[in-house]
Protein backbone atom coordinates (compact mmCIF):
# COMPACT_ATOMS: atom_id res chain seq x y z
CA MET A 1 7.75 -22.47 -5.36
CA ASP A 2 6.09 -23.29 -8.45
CA PHE A 3 3.70 -20.20 -8.82
CA GLU A 4 2.11 -19.19 -12.11
CA PHE A 5 -0.72 -16.76 -13.13
CA SER A 6 -3.76 -18.22 -14.65
CA ALA A 7 -4.47 -16.70 -18.32
CA GLU A 8 -7.18 -14.54 -16.81
CA GLN A 9 -4.66 -13.14 -14.22
CA GLN A 10 -2.16 -12.51 -16.83
CA GLN A 11 -4.59 -10.90 -18.87
CA LEU A 12 -5.48 -8.56 -15.97
CA LYS A 13 -1.87 -7.82 -15.42
CA GLU A 14 -1.27 -6.77 -18.77
CA GLN A 15 -4.45 -4.71 -18.97
CA ALA A 16 -3.40 -2.83 -16.06
CA ARG A 17 0.14 -2.26 -17.24
CA ARG A 18 -1.23 -0.80 -20.57
CA TYR A 19 -3.67 1.30 -19.03
CA LEU A 20 -1.48 2.72 -16.40
CA ALA A 21 1.32 3.25 -19.00
CA ASP A 22 -1.15 5.45 -21.30
CA LYS A 23 -2.80 7.21 -18.57
CA CYS A 24 -0.04 7.47 -15.85
CA PRO A 25 3.26 8.69 -17.37
CA THR A 26 5.73 9.95 -14.98
CA THR A 27 4.63 13.61 -16.31
CA ALA A 28 1.41 12.84 -14.80
CA VAL A 29 2.74 11.66 -11.56
CA ARG A 30 5.28 14.75 -11.26
CA ALA A 31 2.03 17.10 -11.80
CA ILE A 32 0.30 15.66 -8.79
CA LEU A 33 3.17 15.39 -6.58
CA GLU A 34 4.26 19.08 -7.28
CA GLY A 35 0.76 20.47 -7.16
CA SER A 36 -1.93 20.89 -4.51
CA GLU A 37 -4.36 17.79 -5.53
CA PRO A 38 -3.83 14.89 -3.09
CA PHE A 39 -4.21 12.36 -5.81
CA ASP A 40 -4.79 12.23 -9.67
CA ARG A 41 -8.62 12.42 -9.62
CA ALA A 42 -8.97 11.65 -13.35
CA LEU A 43 -6.85 8.33 -13.28
CA TRP A 44 -8.72 7.51 -10.08
CA GLN A 45 -12.09 7.80 -12.04
CA GLY A 46 -10.53 5.89 -14.84
CA LEU A 47 -9.58 3.10 -12.78
CA GLY A 48 -13.09 2.88 -11.45
CA GLU A 49 -14.55 2.87 -15.06
CA MET A 50 -12.05 0.03 -15.88
CA GLY A 51 -13.21 -2.07 -13.01
CA PHE A 52 -10.01 -2.11 -11.29
CA LEU A 53 -11.01 -0.59 -8.07
CA GLY A 54 -13.92 -3.03 -7.69
CA ALA A 55 -11.77 -6.04 -8.64
CA ALA A 56 -12.31 -7.99 -5.29
CA ILE A 57 -15.49 -6.37 -4.30
CA PRO A 58 -18.47 -8.81 -4.83
CA GLU A 59 -20.59 -8.37 -7.80
CA GLU A 60 -23.66 -7.73 -5.70
CA TYR A 61 -21.90 -4.49 -4.46
CA GLY A 62 -20.76 -3.17 -7.98
CA GLY A 63 -17.40 -5.27 -7.87
CA LEU A 64 -15.93 -7.94 -10.13
CA GLY A 65 -15.81 -10.61 -7.37
CA LEU A 66 -12.23 -11.63 -7.95
CA GLY A 67 -9.76 -12.49 -5.09
CA TYR A 68 -6.62 -11.43 -3.35
CA LEU A 69 -4.17 -12.55 -5.97
CA GLU A 70 -5.97 -10.36 -8.35
CA LEU A 71 -5.71 -7.45 -6.02
CA CYS A 72 -1.85 -7.93 -5.72
CA VAL A 73 -1.48 -8.26 -9.26
CA ILE A 74 -3.07 -4.74 -9.59
CA ALA A 75 -1.08 -3.42 -6.73
CA GLU A 76 2.33 -4.47 -8.32
CA GLU A 77 1.50 -2.79 -11.51
CA LEU A 78 0.26 0.39 -9.61
CA GLY A 79 3.77 0.20 -7.89
CA ARG A 80 5.47 -0.13 -11.30
CA ALA A 81 3.70 3.00 -12.43
CA LEU A 82 4.26 4.91 -9.23
CA ALA A 83 0.51 5.74 -9.58
CA PRO A 84 -0.49 8.74 -7.47
CA VAL A 85 -3.79 7.23 -6.30
CA PRO A 86 -5.54 5.78 -2.90
CA VAL A 87 -5.97 2.43 -4.29
CA SER A 88 -3.93 0.46 -1.69
CA SER A 89 -5.71 2.07 1.46
CA SER A 90 -9.11 2.40 -0.25
CA ILE A 91 -9.80 -0.70 -1.99
CA PHE A 92 -7.21 -3.15 -0.79
CA LEU A 93 -7.86 -2.40 2.69
CA VAL A 94 -10.98 -0.66 3.85
CA ALA A 95 -12.88 -2.57 1.25
CA GLU A 96 -11.58 -5.70 2.52
CA ILE A 97 -12.25 -4.96 6.11
CA LEU A 98 -15.89 -3.88 5.23
CA LYS A 99 -16.30 -7.22 3.34
CA ALA A 100 -15.23 -9.09 6.28
CA ALA A 101 -16.73 -7.32 9.25
CA GLY A 102 -19.11 -4.62 7.94
CA SER A 103 -22.89 -4.90 8.41
CA GLU A 104 -25.18 -5.30 5.51
CA GLU A 105 -26.22 -1.73 5.85
CA GLN A 106 -22.57 -0.67 5.73
CA LYS A 107 -21.73 -2.89 2.76
CA GLN A 108 -24.51 -1.41 0.74
CA LYS A 109 -23.53 2.21 1.64
CA TRP A 110 -19.93 1.93 1.18
CA LEU A 111 -18.90 -0.90 -1.02
CA PRO A 112 -20.52 0.17 -4.33
CA LYS A 113 -18.90 3.82 -3.75
CA LEU A 114 -15.53 2.32 -3.08
CA ALA A 115 -15.73 0.01 -6.13
CA SER A 116 -16.64 3.06 -8.49
CA GLY A 117 -14.19 5.60 -7.02
CA GLU A 118 -17.13 7.72 -5.60
CA ALA A 119 -15.74 7.21 -2.31
CA ILE A 120 -12.38 6.82 -0.71
CA GLY A 121 -11.40 5.02 2.57
CA THR A 122 -8.30 4.83 4.58
CA LEU A 123 -6.75 3.29 7.78
CA ALA A 124 -6.05 5.44 10.76
CA ILE A 125 -3.95 3.01 13.02
CA ASP A 126 -0.35 4.35 14.18
CA GLU A 127 0.09 7.33 16.54
CA GLY A 128 3.82 7.64 16.42
CA PRO A 129 6.88 8.04 13.90
CA ARG A 130 7.01 4.18 13.40
CA HIS A 131 4.53 1.46 12.81
CA ASN A 132 3.60 -0.02 16.26
CA PRO A 133 -0.03 -1.18 16.49
CA ALA A 134 0.77 -2.28 20.09
CA ALA A 135 1.06 1.26 21.16
CA ILE A 136 -2.35 2.71 20.51
CA ALA A 137 -3.38 5.08 22.98
CA THR A 138 -6.46 6.62 21.05
CA THR A 139 -9.65 5.52 23.33
CA ALA A 140 -12.98 4.72 22.56
CA SER A 141 -15.52 4.87 25.40
CA LYS A 142 -18.87 3.54 25.15
CA SER A 143 -21.50 6.49 25.23
CA GLY A 144 -25.16 6.12 25.40
CA ASP A 145 -26.05 3.76 22.25
CA GLY A 146 -22.76 4.37 20.66
CA TRP A 147 -18.95 5.42 21.21
CA THR A 148 -16.81 8.40 21.96
CA LEU A 149 -13.53 8.58 20.37
CA SER A 150 -10.48 10.56 21.29
CA GLY A 151 -6.76 10.72 20.33
CA THR A 152 -4.52 11.30 17.14
CA LYS A 153 -3.24 9.55 14.45
CA ALA A 154 -0.01 10.10 12.57
CA PHE A 155 0.93 9.62 8.82
CA VAL A 156 -2.67 8.52 7.73
CA HIS A 157 -2.48 7.90 4.04
CA GLU A 158 -4.70 9.54 1.43
CA ALA A 159 -6.64 11.26 4.46
CA HIS A 160 -7.33 14.26 2.19
CA GLY A 161 -10.48 13.33 0.19
CA ALA A 162 -11.43 10.15 2.26
CA ALA A 163 -15.09 9.75 3.25
CA LEU A 164 -14.30 6.94 5.62
CA PHE A 165 -11.63 6.05 8.29
CA ILE A 166 -10.92 2.91 9.76
CA VAL A 167 -9.60 3.55 13.19
CA ALA A 168 -8.23 1.50 15.84
CA ALA A 169 -8.73 2.50 19.48
CA GLN A 170 -8.39 1.28 23.09
CA THR A 171 -11.78 0.10 24.54
CA PRO A 172 -12.55 -1.31 27.84
CA ASP A 173 -11.96 -4.60 26.51
CA GLY A 174 -8.96 -4.04 24.43
CA VAL A 175 -8.37 -2.57 20.88
CA GLY A 176 -11.14 -2.13 18.65
CA VAL A 177 -11.48 -1.31 15.05
CA PHE A 178 -14.11 1.43 14.04
CA ALA A 179 -15.67 2.84 10.87
CA VAL A 180 -15.76 6.70 11.21
CA PRO A 181 -17.08 8.79 8.68
CA ALA A 182 -14.85 11.78 7.36
CA ASP A 183 -17.62 14.31 8.33
CA ALA A 184 -18.24 13.22 12.00
CA ALA A 185 -17.97 16.20 14.35
CA GLY A 186 -14.46 16.50 15.95
CA LEU A 187 -12.53 14.69 13.18
CA SER A 188 -9.81 17.02 11.91
CA LEU A 189 -6.97 16.88 9.55
CA ALA A 190 -3.50 18.48 9.47
CA THR A 191 -1.34 18.00 6.35
CA ARG A 192 1.87 16.34 6.49
CA LYS A 193 4.61 15.75 3.74
CA LEU A 194 6.80 12.84 3.47
CA THR A 195 9.60 12.20 1.21
CA ASP A 196 7.49 10.71 -1.50
CA SER A 197 5.11 13.91 -1.71
CA ARG A 198 2.10 11.86 -1.30
CA SER A 199 -1.00 12.58 0.66
CA HIS A 200 -0.58 12.14 4.35
CA ALA A 201 -2.25 13.86 7.45
CA HIS A 202 -2.25 14.12 11.21
CA VAL A 203 -5.67 13.19 12.26
CA THR A 204 -7.25 14.36 15.45
CA LEU A 205 -10.38 12.69 16.87
CA ALA A 206 -11.66 15.14 19.74
CA ASN A 207 -14.63 13.45 21.12
CA VAL A 208 -15.98 12.05 18.01
CA LYS A 209 -19.26 10.18 18.33
CA VAL A 210 -20.41 7.19 16.42
CA GLY A 211 -22.98 4.68 16.50
CA ALA A 212 -22.83 1.17 17.97
CA ASP A 213 -22.74 -0.18 14.48
CA ALA A 214 -19.19 1.75 13.81
CA TYR A 215 -17.66 -1.06 16.01
CA LEU A 216 -16.26 -3.39 13.47
CA GLY A 217 -14.19 -5.92 15.80
CA GLY A 218 -11.39 -6.33 18.04
CA SER A 219 -7.52 -7.20 18.03
CA ASP A 220 -7.99 -10.25 15.92
CA LEU A 221 -9.45 -8.27 12.87
CA LEU A 222 -6.73 -5.61 13.48
CA ASP A 223 -4.18 -8.35 12.93
CA ARG A 224 -5.91 -9.84 10.04
CA LEU A 225 -6.33 -6.42 8.41
CA LEU A 226 -2.59 -5.33 9.05
CA ASP A 227 -1.51 -8.82 7.51
CA ARG A 228 -3.29 -8.05 4.28
CA ALA A 229 -1.95 -4.48 4.35
CA ARG A 230 1.80 -5.82 4.76
CA ILE A 231 1.23 -8.33 1.81
CA VAL A 232 -0.58 -5.99 -0.54
CA THR A 233 2.31 -3.15 0.23
CA ALA A 234 4.85 -5.94 -0.39
CA ALA A 235 3.30 -6.59 -3.94
CA GLU A 236 3.44 -2.65 -4.61
CA MET A 237 7.03 -2.68 -3.56
CA LEU A 238 7.66 -5.61 -5.93
CA GLY A 239 6.51 -3.21 -8.87
CA LEU A 240 8.60 -0.55 -7.54
CA ALA A 241 11.84 -2.57 -7.32
CA GLU A 242 11.15 -4.44 -10.93
CA HIS A 243 10.69 -0.81 -12.56
CA SER A 244 13.72 0.44 -11.07
CA PHE A 245 15.94 -2.41 -11.99
CA GLY A 246 14.36 -2.07 -15.52
CA VAL A 247 15.18 1.55 -15.86
CA THR A 248 18.48 1.19 -14.55
CA LEU A 249 19.39 -1.69 -16.94
CA ASP A 250 18.41 0.33 -19.84
CA TYR A 251 20.37 3.25 -18.60
CA LEU A 252 23.50 0.95 -18.48
CA LYS A 253 23.02 -0.34 -22.03
CA GLN A 254 22.88 3.34 -23.40
CA ARG A 255 25.33 5.54 -21.03
CA VAL A 256 29.02 5.52 -22.78
CA GLN A 257 31.88 6.07 -20.26
CA PHE A 258 35.69 5.81 -20.61
CA GLY A 259 34.67 4.92 -24.40
CA GLN A 260 32.59 1.98 -23.47
CA ILE A 261 28.83 1.30 -22.80
CA LEU A 262 28.61 0.95 -19.02
CA ALA A 263 26.83 -2.41 -19.49
CA THR A 264 29.95 -3.93 -20.73
CA PHE A 265 32.07 -3.42 -17.30
CA GLN A 266 31.92 -6.91 -15.44
CA ALA A 267 31.73 -5.24 -12.19
CA LEU A 268 28.60 -3.45 -13.12
CA GLN A 269 27.29 -6.82 -14.55
CA HIS A 270 27.85 -8.43 -11.32
CA ARG A 271 25.96 -5.76 -9.29
CA MET A 272 22.87 -6.03 -11.71
CA ALA A 273 22.83 -9.98 -11.63
CA GLU A 274 22.72 -9.68 -7.74
CA LEU A 275 19.83 -7.35 -7.97
CA PHE A 276 18.04 -9.53 -10.48
CA THR A 277 18.44 -12.55 -7.97
CA ARG A 278 17.38 -10.56 -4.95
CA ILE A 279 14.09 -9.37 -6.97
CA GLU A 280 13.20 -12.94 -7.89
CA LEU A 281 13.57 -13.94 -4.15
CA MET A 282 11.46 -11.09 -3.26
CA ARG A 283 8.70 -12.29 -5.74
CA THR A 284 8.90 -15.69 -4.20
CA ASP A 285 8.04 -14.47 -0.67
CA VAL A 286 5.32 -12.13 -2.04
CA GLU A 287 3.78 -15.13 -3.83
CA ALA A 288 4.18 -17.48 -0.79
CA ALA A 289 2.27 -14.64 1.10
CA LEU A 290 -0.37 -14.59 -1.38
CA ALA A 291 -0.77 -18.66 -1.42
CA ALA A 292 -0.77 -18.31 2.49
CA LEU A 293 -3.56 -15.80 2.47
CA ASP A 294 -5.59 -17.86 -0.09
CA SER A 295 -5.16 -21.01 2.05
CA SER A 296 -5.52 -19.04 5.55
CA THR A 297 -2.35 -20.84 6.46
CA ASP A 298 0.44 -19.18 8.46
CA VAL A 299 -0.75 -15.91 7.23
CA PRO A 300 0.99 -13.72 10.09
CA ALA A 301 4.18 -15.18 9.62
CA MET A 302 4.07 -15.21 5.76
CA ALA A 303 2.88 -11.57 5.75
CA SER A 304 5.82 -10.32 7.94
CA LEU A 305 8.55 -12.64 5.89
CA ALA A 306 7.01 -10.86 2.59
CA LYS A 307 7.29 -7.37 3.92
CA ALA A 308 10.44 -7.74 5.49
CA THR A 309 11.94 -9.21 2.33
CA ALA A 310 10.50 -6.29 0.26
CA ASN A 311 11.83 -3.72 2.88
CA ASP A 312 15.38 -5.33 2.24
CA THR A 313 15.37 -5.86 -1.27
CA LEU A 314 13.78 -2.71 -2.39
CA HIS A 315 16.19 -0.72 -0.16
CA LEU A 316 18.97 -2.30 -2.09
CA VAL A 317 17.40 -2.01 -5.39
CA SER A 318 16.72 1.75 -5.09
CA ARG A 319 20.05 2.63 -3.46
CA GLU A 320 21.88 0.74 -6.16
CA ALA A 321 19.55 2.37 -9.00
CA ILE A 322 20.63 5.94 -7.81
CA GLN A 323 24.39 4.89 -7.57
CA LEU A 324 24.45 3.18 -10.88
CA HIS A 325 22.77 6.34 -12.57
CA GLY A 326 25.78 8.35 -11.18
CA GLY A 327 25.24 11.70 -9.90
CA ILE A 328 22.38 12.72 -12.25
CA GLY A 329 20.37 10.05 -10.37
CA MET A 330 20.07 12.49 -7.54
CA THR A 331 18.55 15.12 -9.30
CA ASP A 332 14.77 15.62 -10.00
CA GLU A 333 15.10 15.51 -13.51
CA PHE A 334 15.56 11.78 -13.73
CA ASP A 335 12.41 9.63 -12.74
CA ILE A 336 14.59 7.17 -10.76
CA GLY A 337 14.73 9.53 -7.76
CA LEU A 338 10.98 9.44 -7.62
CA TYR A 339 11.18 5.86 -7.26
CA MET A 340 13.80 5.97 -4.51
CA LYS A 341 11.56 8.50 -2.58
CA ARG A 342 8.48 6.26 -2.78
CA ALA A 343 10.74 3.25 -1.64
CA ARG A 344 11.64 5.00 1.37
CA ALA A 345 8.09 5.65 2.38
CA ALA A 346 6.93 2.24 1.49
CA GLN A 347 9.64 0.68 3.58
CA GLU A 348 8.07 2.37 6.81
CA THR A 349 4.45 1.64 5.85
CA PHE A 350 2.98 -1.31 8.05
CA GLY A 351 6.54 -1.97 9.56
CA ASP A 352 10.03 -1.76 8.74
CA ILE A 353 12.66 -4.49 8.47
CA ALA A 354 13.23 -4.48 12.10
CA PHE A 355 9.58 -4.64 13.09
CA ASN A 356 8.66 -7.38 10.74
CA GLY A 357 11.85 -9.22 11.38
CA ASP A 358 11.44 -9.35 14.98
CA ARG A 359 7.94 -10.13 14.56
CA LEU A 360 8.54 -13.07 12.24
CA ALA A 361 11.11 -14.35 14.76
CA LYS A 362 8.53 -14.21 17.50
CA LEU A 363 5.87 -16.11 15.42
CA MET A 364 8.49 -18.77 14.18
CA GLY A 365 9.25 -19.25 18.08
CA TYR A 366 13.15 -17.90 18.20
């Protein structure tokens, strides 16, 4: 498809890349991943000051009022930089659902804080080892003028430091989506470590009481939210893939083996050519999903196509990157290993290739 960034979008992309190259070197990434902080607070604050966090939040709530494409431009650059910040969950997802379904009071309370970085939000959807929104067992029962939520959520991204949780739970009328503040009585966290060393937690909701306005919508809202989550995650994965490819290509051009530069071996050239082609196809599917989102046409199918393609391509690229670096690629000394670890976690986020491939087939009538 013919898809080109406007001059403003290209400027945003370049600005984000320059800023992250300056403020988020891999030394800073390592310091966060190996330390006790859940994310890079200084980088987070800086992203807020630069306006990146409020890119798609309306101006009346302290944002820039841009669109989904601009969000994914930023997501791609965050993936390229391996930025250890909760932008995807907080800004791309929680802010979006509040924009779409929140009350005016909720928007006034949360959107300015999300745009500035003062507050962080996250999603609490899945309850098992794999993404399966059809298997939600957490319950929400009506209690007086509000609701009482009980259950557990597994692998909640950026839960530590979050001020607001968007929780999916079973109501008497089907799945519902709720806004739950982190300081609600009965909500507790247990730290979990994944291979990418990012902040994750097991969340327990023990008779958590919220008001009637906490209910944001039903299963249709959850489906729309998860489709956006798949698209923005695919955009981040595109950045991961492109950076992994570039780093590997540079290594092959410098490494000498058997008296020759590795990049001169035709077999390795063929492997890199395949990776380049696969990444371009991945970009096409991500951009097609963005176009679908912009036009509100075939969003579910295009979201799953983009995520399935991203899963398959990034798995191949990250695996080949490690192999083409040789044994040293498996060591913590080389940055490429960090990208492989992040790739494996991202592949499972909001559905692996089997989940999204099966969902796409059903949506297409196969």
